[in-house]
Amino acid sequence: MPQIRTDTQTVTQITIVEAEPGKQAEALSLMQERARFMERQLGFVSISLHRSLDGRRIVNYIQWSSREQLQAAHKAPQFRKEWDRFDSMTDEIEPQLYEVCEIYGR
């Protein structure tokens, strides 16, 4: 379960994927497959997938125990095996690491 806190050592990666027109559902399905693989990897904390209502974007919010463990999971052959297929469904993929600095809410 994702926990968004400022006092944690968790690594947060947010990836914004822009799908080809009409390909959001197919790209999301492949991302769901990858998420099921990733949740079995060392250091996994959580993955949350969000789809935009305009049918073009997917936001992947990942939490991992360490940057090194996340990088190792991304390099796994099983994670990479559908990479070309995924690229054919997307216009742009932008992964970035983030640090939680403020939280507001009730």
PDB file of N, CA and C in Angstrom:
ATOM      1  N   MET A   1       0.835  -1.170   0.000  1.00  0.00           N
ATOM      2  CA  MET A   1       0.000   0.000   0.000  1.00  0.00           C
ATOM      3  C   MET A   1       0.889   1.246   0.000  1.00  0.00           C
ATOM      4  N   PRO A   2       0.633   2.187  -0.887  1.00  0.00           N
ATOM      5  CA  PRO A   2       1.461   3.399  -0.902  1.00  0.00           C
ATOM      6  C   PRO A   2       1.289   4.202   0.382  1.00  0.00           C
ATOM      7  N   GLN A   3       2.398   4.711   0.862  1.00  0.00           N
ATOM      8  CA  GLN A   3       2.384   5.618   2.002  1.00  0.00           C
ATOM      9  C   GLN A   3       3.208   6.825   1.616  1.00  0.00           C
ATOM     10  N   ILE A   4       2.569   7.956   1.514  1.00  0.00           N
ATOM     11  CA  ILE A   4       3.269   9.174   1.125  1.00  0.00           C
ATOM     12  C   ILE A   4       3.606   9.935   2.389  1.00  0.00           C
ATOM     13  N   ARG A   5       4.919   9.984   2.691  1.00  0.00           N
ATOM     14  CA  ARG A   5       5.397  10.623   3.915  1.00  0.00           C
ATOM     15  C   ARG A   5       6.701  11.340   3.620  1.00  0.00           C
ATOM     16  N   THR A   6       6.983  12.366   4.385  1.00  0.00           N
ATOM     17  CA  THR A   6       8.238  13.096   4.218  1.00  0.00           C
ATOM     18  C   THR A   6       9.378  12.482   5.019  1.00  0.00           C
ATOM     19  N   ASP A   7       9.080  11.672   6.019  1.00  0.00           N
ATOM     20  CA  ASP A   7      10.102  11.128   6.916  1.00  0.00           C
ATOM     21  C   ASP A   7      10.490   9.689   6.574  1.00  0.00           C
ATOM     22  N   THR A   8      10.588   9.379   5.305  1.00  0.00           N
ATOM     23  CA  THR A   8      10.891   8.019   4.892  1.00  0.00           C
ATOM     24  C   THR A   8      12.077   7.998   3.938  1.00  0.00           C
ATOM     25  N   GLN A   9      12.725   6.859   3.876  1.00  0.00           N
ATOM     26  CA  GLN A   9      13.843   6.675   2.951  1.00  0.00           C
ATOM     27  C   GLN A   9      13.376   6.047   1.633  1.00  0.00           C
ATOM     28  N   THR A  10      12.079   5.858   1.478  1.00  0.00           N
ATOM     29  CA  THR A  10      11.525   5.248   0.276  1.00  0.00           C
ATOM     30  C   THR A  10      11.857   6.074  -0.957  1.00  0.00           C
ATOM     31  N   VAL A  11      12.230   5.389  -2.034  1.00  0.00           N
ATOM     32  CA  VAL A  11      12.478   6.035  -3.316  1.00  0.00           C
ATOM     33  C   VAL A  11      11.163   6.098  -4.074  1.00  0.00           C
ATOM     34  N   THR A  12      10.857   7.260  -4.623  1.00  0.00           N
ATOM     35  CA  THR A  12       9.626   7.450  -5.390  1.00  0.00           C
ATOM     36  C   THR A  12       9.988   7.750  -6.837  1.00  0.00           C
ATOM     37  N   GLN A  13       9.417   6.949  -7.737  1.00  0.00           N
ATOM     38  CA  GLN A  13       9.570   7.223  -9.168  1.00  0.00           C
ATOM     39  C   GLN A  13       8.184   7.477  -9.725  1.00  0.00           C
ATOM     40  N   ILE A  14       8.041   8.577 -10.429  1.00  0.00           N
ATOM     41  CA  ILE A  14       6.797   8.877 -11.117  1.00  0.00           C
ATOM     42  C   ILE A  14       7.109   8.874 -12.602  1.00  0.00           C
ATOM     43  N   THR A  15       6.404   8.028 -13.336  1.00  0.00           N
ATOM     44  CA  THR A  15       6.600   7.917 -14.776  1.00  0.00           C
ATOM     45  C   THR A  15       5.328   8.349 -15.482  1.00  0.00           C
ATOM     46  N   ILE A  16       5.470   9.285 -16.391  1.00  0.00           N
ATOM     47  CA  ILE A  16       4.345   9.724 -17.204  1.00  0.00           C
ATOM     48  C   ILE A  16       4.520   9.122 -18.591  1.00  0.00           C
ATOM     49  N   VAL A  17       3.533   8.378 -19.022  1.00  0.00           N
ATOM     50  CA  VAL A  17       3.557   7.701 -20.316  1.00  0.00           C
ATOM     51  C   VAL A  17       2.483   8.327 -21.186  1.00  0.00           C
ATOM     52  N   GLU A  18       2.856   8.755 -22.368  1.00  0.00           N
ATOM     53  CA  GLU A  18       1.870   9.244 -23.322  1.00  0.00           C
ATOM     54  C   GLU A  18       1.655   8.166 -24.370  1.00  0.00           C
ATOM     55  N   ALA A  19       0.454   7.610 -24.374  1.00  0.00           N
ATOM     56  CA  ALA A  19       0.129   6.515 -25.286  1.00  0.00           C
ATOM     57  C   ALA A  19      -0.234   7.058 -26.668  1.00  0.00           C
ATOM     58  N   GLU A  20       0.007   6.235 -27.674  1.00  0.00           N
ATOM     59  CA  GLU A  20      -0.470   6.540 -29.026  1.00  0.00           C
ATOM     60  C   GLU A  20      -1.994   6.633 -28.966  1.00  0.00           C
ATOM     61  N   PRO A  21      -2.615   7.430 -29.827  1.00  0.00           N
ATOM     62  CA  PRO A  21      -4.077   7.512 -29.835  1.00  0.00           C
ATOM     63  C   PRO A  21      -4.710   6.111 -29.950  1.00  0.00           C
ATOM     64  N   GLY A  22      -5.655   5.838 -29.069  1.00  0.00           N
ATOM     65  CA  GLY A  22      -6.358   4.559 -29.069  1.00  0.00           C
ATOM     66  C   GLY A  22      -5.586   3.407 -28.439  1.00  0.00           C
ATOM     67  N   LYS A  23      -4.403   3.653 -27.874  1.00  0.00           N
ATOM     68  CA  LYS A  23      -3.559   2.582 -27.327  1.00  0.00           C
ATOM     69  C   LYS A  23      -3.438   2.618 -25.808  1.00  0.00           C
ATOM     70  N   GLN A  24      -4.165   3.525 -25.140  1.00  0.00           N
ATOM     71  CA  GLN A  24      -4.014   3.640 -23.687  1.00  0.00           C
ATOM     72  C   GLN A  24      -4.348   2.329 -22.981  1.00  0.00           C
ATOM     73  N   ALA A  25      -5.457   1.688 -23.345  1.00  0.00           N
ATOM     74  CA  ALA A  25      -5.869   0.456 -22.662  1.00  0.00           C
ATOM     75  C   ALA A  25      -4.845  -0.649 -22.866  1.00  0.00           C
ATOM     76  N   GLU A  26      -4.294  -0.779 -24.061  1.00  0.00           N
ATOM     77  CA  GLU A  26      -3.295  -1.807 -24.349  1.00  0.00           C
ATOM     78  C   GLU A  26      -1.996  -1.532 -23.583  1.00  0.00           C
ATOM     79  N   ALA A  27      -1.576  -0.275 -23.564  1.00  0.00           N
ATOM     80  CA  ALA A  27      -0.362   0.090 -22.822  1.00  0.00           C
ATOM     81  C   ALA A  27      -0.572  -0.137 -21.325  1.00  0.00           C
ATOM     82  N   LEU A  28      -1.740   0.213 -20.807  1.00  0.00           N
ATOM     83  CA  LEU A  28      -2.039   0.010 -19.392  1.00  0.00           C
ATOM     84  C   LEU A  28      -2.036  -1.476 -19.050  1.00  0.00           C
ATOM     85  N   SER A  29      -2.568  -2.312 -19.922  1.00  0.00           N
ATOM     86  CA  SER A  29      -2.575  -3.750 -19.692  1.00  0.00           C
ATOM     87  C   SER A  29      -1.151  -4.295 -19.566  1.00  0.00           C
ATOM     88  N   LEU A  30      -0.258  -3.849 -20.436  1.00  0.00           N
ATOM     89  CA  LEU A  30       1.138  -4.281 -20.362  1.00  0.00           C
ATOM     90  C   LEU A  30       1.791  -3.754 -19.084  1.00  0.00           C
ATOM     91  N   MET A  31       1.473  -2.537 -18.698  1.00  0.00           N
ATOM     92  CA  MET A  31       2.021  -1.988 -17.452  1.00  0.00           C
ATOM     93  C   MET A  31       1.510  -2.775 -16.242  1.00  0.00           C
ATOM     94  N   GLN A  32       0.279  -3.257 -16.288  1.00  0.00           N
ATOM     95  CA  GLN A  32      -0.254  -4.075 -15.201  1.00  0.00           C
ATOM     96  C   GLN A  32       0.501  -5.397 -15.102  1.00  0.00           C
ATOM     97  N   GLU A  33       0.820  -6.004 -16.251  1.00  0.00           N
ATOM     98  CA  GLU A  33       1.631  -7.226 -16.258  1.00  0.00           C
ATOM     99  C   GLU A  33       2.987  -6.973 -15.610  1.00  0.00           C
ATOM    100  N   ARG A  34       3.609  -5.881 -16.007  1.00  0.00           N
ATOM    101  CA  ARG A  34       4.923  -5.527 -15.455  1.00  0.00           C
ATOM    102  C   ARG A  34       4.833  -5.266 -13.954  1.00  0.00           C
ATOM    103  N   ALA A  35       3.753  -4.634 -13.515  1.00  0.00           N
ATOM    104  CA  ALA A  35       3.580  -4.346 -12.086  1.00  0.00           C
ATOM    105  C   ALA A  35       3.492  -5.639 -11.283  1.00  0.00           C
ATOM    106  N   ARG A  36       2.800  -6.644 -11.826  1.00  0.00           N
ATOM    107  CA  ARG A  36       2.702  -7.937 -11.126  1.00  0.00           C
ATOM    108  C   ARG A  36       4.088  -8.584 -10.999  1.00  0.00           C
ATOM    109  N   PHE A  37       4.933  -8.421 -12.016  1.00  0.00           N
ATOM    110  CA  PHE A  37       6.311  -8.912 -11.928  1.00  0.00           C
ATOM    111  C   PHE A  37       7.083  -8.107 -10.877  1.00  0.00           C
ATOM    112  N   MET A  38       6.974  -6.796 -10.942  1.00  0.00           N
ATOM    113  CA  MET A  38       7.742  -5.920 -10.053  1.00  0.00           C
ATOM    114  C   MET A  38       7.391  -6.134  -8.587  1.00  0.00           C
ATOM    115  N   GLU A  39       6.147  -6.451  -8.280  1.00  0.00           N
ATOM    116  CA  GLU A  39       5.770  -6.601  -6.875  1.00  0.00           C
ATOM    117  C   GLU A  39       6.437  -7.808  -6.221  1.00  0.00           C
ATOM    118  N   ARG A  40       7.040  -8.680  -7.007  1.00  0.00           N
ATOM    119  CA  ARG A  40       7.766  -9.832  -6.462  1.00  0.00           C
ATOM    120  C   ARG A  40       9.268  -9.564  -6.340  1.00  0.00           C
ATOM    121  N   GLN A  41       9.708  -8.356  -6.703  1.00  0.00           N
ATOM    122  CA  GLN A  41      11.139  -8.041  -6.700  1.00  0.00           C
ATOM    123  C   GLN A  41      11.576  -7.458  -5.359  1.00  0.00           C
ATOM    124  N   LEU A  42      12.857  -7.662  -5.068  1.00  0.00           N
ATOM    125  CA  LEU A  42      13.449  -7.181  -3.829  1.00  0.00           C
ATOM    126  C   LEU A  42      13.319  -5.660  -3.720  1.00  0.00           C
ATOM    127  N   GLY A  43      12.824  -5.191  -2.602  1.00  0.00           N
ATOM    128  CA  GLY A  43      12.711  -3.760  -2.348  1.00  0.00           C
ATOM    129  C   GLY A  43      11.373  -3.147  -2.726  1.00  0.00           C
ATOM    130  N   PHE A  44      10.479  -3.930  -3.337  1.00  0.00           N
ATOM    131  CA  PHE A  44       9.176  -3.409  -3.759  1.00  0.00           C
ATOM    132  C   PHE A  44       8.383  -2.887  -2.557  1.00  0.00           C
ATOM    133  N   VAL A  45       7.790  -1.715  -2.708  1.00  0.00           N
ATOM    134  CA  VAL A  45       6.875  -1.168  -1.702  1.00  0.00           C
ATOM    135  C   VAL A  45       5.481  -1.061  -2.312  1.00  0.00           C
ATOM    136  N   SER A  46       5.342  -0.323  -3.432  1.00  0.00           N
ATOM    137  CA  SER A  46       4.032  -0.188  -4.063  1.00  0.00           C
ATOM    138  C   SER A  46       4.160   0.339  -5.490  1.00  0.00           C
ATOM    139  N   ILE A  47       3.137   0.057  -6.276  1.00  0.00           N
ATOM    140  CA  ILE A  47       2.965   0.643  -7.604  1.00  0.00           C
ATOM    141  C   ILE A  47       1.503   1.040  -7.722  1.00  0.00           C
ATOM    142  N   SER A  48       1.273   2.271  -8.151  1.00  0.00           N
ATOM    143  CA  SER A  48      -0.090   2.762  -8.398  1.00  0.00           C
ATOM    144  C   SER A  48      -0.152   3.255  -9.833  1.00  0.00           C
ATOM    145  N   LEU A  49      -1.102   2.724 -10.598  1.00  0.00           N
ATOM    146  CA  LEU A  49      -1.271   3.127 -11.992  1.00  0.00           C
ATOM    147  C   LEU A  49      -2.509   4.014 -12.109  1.00  0.00           C
ATOM    148  N   HIS A  50      -2.365   5.099 -12.844  1.00  0.00           N
ATOM    149  CA  HIS A  50      -3.457   6.059 -13.046  1.00  0.00           C
ATOM    150  C   HIS A  50      -3.603   6.293 -14.548  1.00  0.00           C
ATOM    151  N   ARG A  51      -4.828   6.318 -15.045  1.00  0.00           N
ATOM    152  CA  ARG A  51      -5.035   6.635 -16.459  1.00  0.00           C
ATOM    153  C   ARG A  51      -5.789   7.942 -16.574  1.00  0.00           C
ATOM    154  N   SER A  52      -5.402   8.734 -17.560  1.00  0.00           N
ATOM    155  CA  SER A  52      -6.074  10.015 -17.760  1.00  0.00           C
ATOM    156  C   SER A  52      -7.423   9.786 -18.440  1.00  0.00           C
ATOM    157  N   LEU A  53      -8.345  10.657 -18.172  1.00  0.00           N
ATOM    158  CA  LEU A  53      -9.679  10.538 -18.740  1.00  0.00           C
ATOM    159  C   LEU A  53      -9.720  10.909 -20.218  1.00  0.00           C
ATOM    160  N   ASP A  54      -8.662  11.548 -20.723  1.00  0.00           N
ATOM    161  CA  ASP A  54      -8.628  11.883 -22.153  1.00  0.00           C
ATOM    162  C   ASP A  54      -8.151  10.705 -23.010  1.00  0.00           C
ATOM    163  N   GLY A  55      -7.782   9.582 -22.362  1.00  0.00           N
ATOM    164  CA  GLY A  55      -7.388   8.390 -23.090  1.00  0.00           C
ATOM    165  C   GLY A  55      -5.968   8.395 -23.619  1.00  0.00           C
ATOM    166  N   ARG A  56      -5.119   9.306 -23.176  1.00  0.00           N
ATOM    167  CA  ARG A  56      -3.766   9.414 -23.730  1.00  0.00           C
ATOM    168  C   ARG A  56      -2.648   9.111 -22.738  1.00  0.00           C
ATOM    169  N   ARG A  57      -2.818   9.404 -21.465  1.00  0.00           N
ATOM    170  CA  ARG A  57      -1.704   9.296 -20.539  1.00  0.00           C
ATOM    171  C   ARG A  57      -1.936   8.239 -19.466  1.00  0.00           C
ATOM    172  N   ILE A  58      -0.805   7.734 -18.982  1.00  0.00           N
ATOM    173  CA  ILE A  58      -0.798   6.833 -17.831  1.00  0.00           C
ATOM    174  C   ILE A  58       0.281   7.355 -16.893  1.00  0.00           C
ATOM    175  N   VAL A  59      -0.048   7.456 -15.623  1.00  0.00           N
ATOM    176  CA  VAL A  59       0.932   7.861 -14.622  1.00  0.00           C
ATOM    177  C   VAL A  59       1.184   6.653 -13.722  1.00  0.00           C
ATOM    178  N   ASN A  60       2.448   6.325 -13.570  1.00  0.00           N
ATOM    179  CA  ASN A  60       2.883   5.192 -12.772  1.00  0.00           C
ATOM    180  C   ASN A  60       3.621   5.750 -11.555  1.00  0.00           C
ATOM    181  N   TYR A  61       3.055   5.552 -10.373  1.00  0.00           N
ATOM    182  CA  TYR A  61       3.641   6.039  -9.119  1.00  0.00           C
ATOM    183  C   TYR A  61       4.241   4.834  -8.411  1.00  0.00           C
ATOM    184  N   ILE A  62       5.575   4.796  -8.327  1.00  0.00           N
ATOM    185  CA  ILE A  62       6.295   3.644  -7.787  1.00  0.00           C
ATOM    186  C   ILE A  62       7.001   4.038  -6.494  1.00  0.00           C
ATOM    187  N   GLN A  63       6.944   3.154  -5.502  1.00  0.00           N
ATOM    188  CA  GLN A  63       7.725   3.327  -4.284  1.00  0.00           C
ATOM    189  C   GLN A  63       8.579   2.081  -4.098  1.00  0.00           C
ATOM    190  N   TRP A  64       9.864   2.320  -3.800  1.00  0.00           N
ATOM    191  CA  TRP A  64      10.822   1.227  -3.668  1.00  0.00           C
ATOM    192  C   TRP A  64      11.709   1.491  -2.455  1.00  0.00           C
ATOM    193  N   SER A  65      12.268   0.449  -1.889  1.00  0.00           N
ATOM    194  CA  SER A  65      13.106   0.602  -0.695  1.00  0.00           C
ATOM    195  C   SER A  65      14.403   1.342  -0.968  1.00  0.00           C
ATOM    196  N   SER A  66      14.988   1.136  -2.154  1.00  0.00           N
ATOM    197  CA  SER A  66      16.226   1.833  -2.480  1.00  0.00           C
ATOM    198  C   SER A  66      16.342   2.032  -3.987  1.00  0.00           C
ATOM    199  N   ARG A  67      17.110   3.017  -4.365  1.00  0.00           N
ATOM    200  CA  ARG A  67      17.347   3.309  -5.784  1.00  0.00           C
ATOM    201  C   ARG A  67      18.019   2.115  -6.471  1.00  0.00           C
ATOM    202  N   GLU A  68      18.977   1.497  -5.794  1.00  0.00           N
ATOM    203  CA  GLU A  68      19.706   0.366  -6.371  1.00  0.00           C
ATOM    204  C   GLU A  68      18.784  -0.828  -6.631  1.00  0.00           C
ATOM    205  N   GLN A  69      17.891  -1.113  -5.693  1.00  0.00           N
ATOM    206  CA  GLN A  69      16.959  -2.225  -5.878  1.00  0.00           C
ATOM    207  C   GLN A  69      15.972  -1.937  -7.008  1.00  0.00           C
ATOM    208  N   LEU A  70      15.537  -0.699  -7.138  1.00  0.00           N
ATOM    209  CA  LEU A  70      14.644  -0.315  -8.232  1.00  0.00           C
ATOM    210  C   LEU A  70      15.358  -0.472  -9.569  1.00  0.00           C
ATOM    211  N   GLN A  71      16.592  -0.007  -9.654  1.00  0.00           N
ATOM    212  CA  GLN A  71      17.370  -0.137 -10.890  1.00  0.00           C
ATOM    213  C   GLN A  71      17.580  -1.605 -11.255  1.00  0.00           C
ATOM    214  N   ALA A  72      17.843  -2.444 -10.274  1.00  0.00           N
ATOM    215  CA  ALA A  72      18.030  -3.879 -10.534  1.00  0.00           C
ATOM    216  C   ALA A  72      16.745  -4.500 -11.084  1.00  0.00           C
ATOM    217  N   ALA A  73      15.608  -4.129 -10.528  1.00  0.00           N
ATOM    218  CA  ALA A  73      14.326  -4.654 -11.019  1.00  0.00           C
ATOM    219  C   ALA A  73      14.071  -4.207 -12.453  1.00  0.00           C
ATOM    220  N   HIS A  74      14.405  -2.965 -12.773  1.00  0.00           N
ATOM    221  CA  HIS A  74      14.223  -2.452 -14.142  1.00  0.00           C
ATOM    222  C   HIS A  74      15.130  -3.156 -15.151  1.00  0.00           C
ATOM    223  N   LYS A  75      16.260  -3.670 -14.700  1.00  0.00           N
ATOM    224  CA  LYS A  75      17.212  -4.341 -15.600  1.00  0.00           C
ATOM    225  C   LYS A  75      16.902  -5.825 -15.793  1.00  0.00           C
ATOM    226  N   ALA A  76      15.966  -6.354 -15.029  1.00  0.00           N
ATOM    227  CA  ALA A  76      15.636  -7.777 -15.124  1.00  0.00           C
ATOM    228  C   ALA A  76      15.124  -8.121 -16.527  1.00  0.00           C
ATOM    229  N   PRO A  77      15.617  -9.221 -17.112  1.00  0.00           N
ATOM    230  CA  PRO A  77      15.185  -9.606 -18.459  1.00  0.00           C
ATOM    231  C   PRO A  77      13.671  -9.761 -18.594  1.00  0.00           C
ATOM    232  N   GLN A  78      13.004 -10.272 -17.567  1.00  0.00           N
ATOM    233  CA  GLN A  78      11.551 -10.451 -17.653  1.00  0.00           C
ATOM    234  C   GLN A  78      10.841  -9.102 -17.749  1.00  0.00           C
ATOM    235  N   PHE A  79      11.374  -8.078 -17.078  1.00  0.00           N
ATOM    236  CA  PHE A  79      10.787  -6.737 -17.168  1.00  0.00           C
ATOM    237  C   PHE A  79      10.997  -6.155 -18.563  1.00  0.00           C
ATOM    238  N   ARG A  80      12.161  -6.398 -19.148  1.00  0.00           N
ATOM    239  CA  ARG A  80      12.535  -5.804 -20.432  1.00  0.00           C
ATOM    240  C   ARG A  80      11.982  -6.543 -21.654  1.00  0.00           C
ATOM    241  N   LYS A  81      11.459  -7.764 -21.482  1.00  0.00           N
ATOM    242  CA  LYS A  81      11.114  -8.593 -22.635  1.00  0.00           C
ATOM    243  C   LYS A  81      10.041  -7.984 -23.543  1.00  0.00           C
ATOM    244  N   GLU A  82       9.167  -7.160 -23.051  1.00  0.00           N
ATOM    245  CA  GLU A  82       8.109  -6.548 -23.860  1.00  0.00           C
ATOM    246  C   GLU A  82       8.422  -5.089 -24.193  1.00  0.00           C
ATOM    247  N   TRP A  83       9.668  -4.678 -24.014  1.00  0.00           N
ATOM    248  CA  TRP A  83      10.041  -3.269 -24.173  1.00  0.00           C
ATOM    249  C   TRP A  83       9.709  -2.742 -25.566  1.00  0.00           C
ATOM    250  N   ASP A  84      10.052  -3.490 -26.623  1.00  0.00           N
ATOM    251  CA  ASP A  84       9.786  -3.034 -27.987  1.00  0.00           C
ATOM    252  C   ASP A  84       8.286  -2.889 -28.247  1.00  0.00           C
ATOM    253  N   ARG A  85       7.520  -3.841 -27.760  1.00  0.00           N
ATOM    254  CA  ARG A  85       6.058  -3.777 -27.919  1.00  0.00           C
ATOM    255  C   ARG A  85       5.505  -2.542 -27.206  1.00  0.00           C
ATOM    256  N   PHE A  86       6.010  -2.279 -25.998  1.00  0.00           N
ATOM    257  CA  PHE A  86       5.551  -1.122 -25.230  1.00  0.00           C
ATOM    258  C   PHE A  86       5.903   0.179 -25.959  1.00  0.00           C
ATOM    259  N   ASP A  87       7.119   0.246 -26.496  1.00  0.00           N
ATOM    260  CA  ASP A  87       7.540   1.434 -27.252  1.00  0.00           C
ATOM    261  C   ASP A  87       6.636   1.705 -28.448  1.00  0.00           C
ATOM    262  N   SER A  88       6.122   0.651 -29.070  1.00  0.00           N
ATOM    263  CA  SER A  88       5.258   0.835 -30.239  1.00  0.00           C
ATOM    264  C   SER A  88       3.880   1.397 -29.871  1.00  0.00           C
ATOM    265  N   MET A  89       3.528   1.351 -28.597  1.00  0.00           N
ATOM    266  CA  MET A  89       2.228   1.859 -28.133  1.00  0.00           C
ATOM    267  C   MET A  89       2.313   3.266 -27.565  1.00  0.00           C
ATOM    268  N   THR A  90       3.527   3.779 -27.407  1.00  0.00           N
ATOM    269  CA  THR A  90       3.700   5.043 -26.695  1.00  0.00           C
ATOM    270  C   THR A  90       4.435   6.077 -27.529  1.00  0.00           C
ATOM    271  N   ASP A  91       4.104   7.343 -27.277  1.00  0.00           N
ATOM    272  CA  ASP A  91       4.809   8.457 -27.906  1.00  0.00           C
ATOM    273  C   ASP A  91       5.989   8.892 -27.045  1.00  0.00           C
ATOM    274  N   GLU A  92       5.760   8.928 -25.734  1.00  0.00           N
ATOM    275  CA  GLU A  92       6.776   9.449 -24.831  1.00  0.00           C
ATOM    276  C   GLU A  92       6.660   8.769 -23.479  1.00  0.00           C
ATOM    277  N   ILE A  93       7.811   8.478 -22.872  1.00  0.00           N
ATOM    278  CA  ILE A  93       7.875   7.900 -21.536  1.00  0.00           C
ATOM    279  C   ILE A  93       8.857   8.746 -20.741  1.00  0.00           C
ATOM    280  N   GLU A  94       8.387   9.278 -19.624  1.00  0.00           N
ATOM    281  CA  GLU A  94       9.250  10.156 -18.833  1.00  0.00           C
ATOM    282  C   GLU A  94       9.301   9.702 -17.381  1.00  0.00           C
ATOM    283  N   PRO A  95      10.288   8.849 -17.020  1.00  0.00           N
ATOM    284  CA  PRO A  95      10.442   8.459 -15.618  1.00  0.00           C
ATOM    285  C   PRO A  95      11.379   9.431 -14.893  1.00  0.00           C
ATOM    286  N   GLN A  96      11.033   9.775 -13.666  1.00  0.00           N
ATOM    287  CA  GLN A  96      11.867  10.650 -12.839  1.00  0.00           C
ATOM    288  C   GLN A  96      11.783  10.190 -11.393  1.00  0.00           C
ATOM    289  N   LEU A  97      12.871  10.337 -10.654  1.00  0.00           N
ATOM    290  CA  LEU A  97      12.859  10.066  -9.220  1.00  0.00           C
ATOM    291  C   LEU A  97      12.493  11.348  -8.485  1.00  0.00           C
ATOM    292  N   TYR A  98      11.721  11.202  -7.417  1.00  0.00           N
ATOM    293  CA  TYR A  98      11.231  12.354  -6.646  1.00  0.00           C
ATOM    294  C   TYR A  98      11.443  12.142  -5.164  1.00  0.00           C
ATOM    295  N   GLU A  99      11.417  13.238  -4.450  1.00  0.00           N
ATOM    296  CA  GLU A  99      11.476  13.238  -2.989  1.00  0.00           C
ATOM    297  C   GLU A  99      10.225  13.957  -2.494  1.00  0.00           C
ATOM    298  N   VAL A 100       9.520  13.351  -1.552  1.00  0.00           N
ATOM    299  CA  VAL A 100       8.346  13.995  -0.965  1.00  0.00           C
ATOM    300  C   VAL A 100       8.827  15.104  -0.049  1.00  0.00           C
ATOM    301  N   CYS A 101       8.369  16.343  -0.272  1.00  0.00           N
ATOM    302  CA  CYS A 101       8.838  17.441   0.559  1.00  0.00           C
ATOM    303  C   CYS A 101       7.725  18.073   1.405  1.00  0.00           C
ATOM    304  N   GLU A 102       6.494  17.995   0.994  1.00  0.00           N
ATOM    305  CA  GLU A 102       5.362  18.531   1.770  1.00  0.00           C
ATOM    306  C   GLU A 102       4.121  17.710   1.498  1.00  0.00           C
ATOM    307  N   ILE A 103       3.280  17.576   2.511  1.00  0.00           N
ATOM    308  CA  ILE A 103       2.011  16.867   2.375  1.00  0.00           C
ATOM    309  C   ILE A 103       0.937  17.704   3.055  1.00  0.00           C
ATOM    310  N   TYR A 104      -0.172  17.893   2.380  1.00  0.00           N
ATOM    311  CA  TYR A 104      -1.320  18.613   2.942  1.00  0.00           C
ATOM    312  C   TYR A 104      -2.532  17.715   2.816  1.00  0.00           C
ATOM    313  N   GLY A 105      -3.399  17.725   3.759  1.00  0.00           N
ATOM    314  CA  GLY A 105      -4.597  16.903   3.688  1.00  0.00           C
ATOM    315  C   GLY A 105      -5.261  16.769   5.044  1.00  0.00           C
ATOM    316  N   ARG A 106      -6.356  16.101   5.046  1.00  0.00           N
ATOM    317  CA  ARG A 106      -7.113  15.873   6.282  1.00  0.00           C
ATOM    318  C   ARG A 106      -7.143  14.430   6.638  1.00  0.00           C
TER     319      ARG A 106
END
